[in-house]
Amino acid sequence: MTIQQANMDIRRAAASAGFYLWEVAAEVGVTDSTFSRKLRRELPENEKEAVFRAIERMKEYRAKRAEG
């Protein structure tokens, strides 16, 4: 029996972008512990979209910094 972890799409998106969940939490504007608790249960679609937008902003910021 396999137990599916909640919000795997968010976890994978952060990991594939090279970010820790605590970094995503800071960008979303919540503490690491609050974000961790929220991820225990599947987030509503509007909250997921906000997290994905935050990850995209983080990627854009990192790309701009790399350009110099």
Foldseek 3Di string as FASTA:
>chain_A
DDDDAAPVVLVVLCVVLPHDQQVLCVLLPHGSVVSVVCRRHHDDPVVVVSSNVSSVVVSVVVVVVVVD
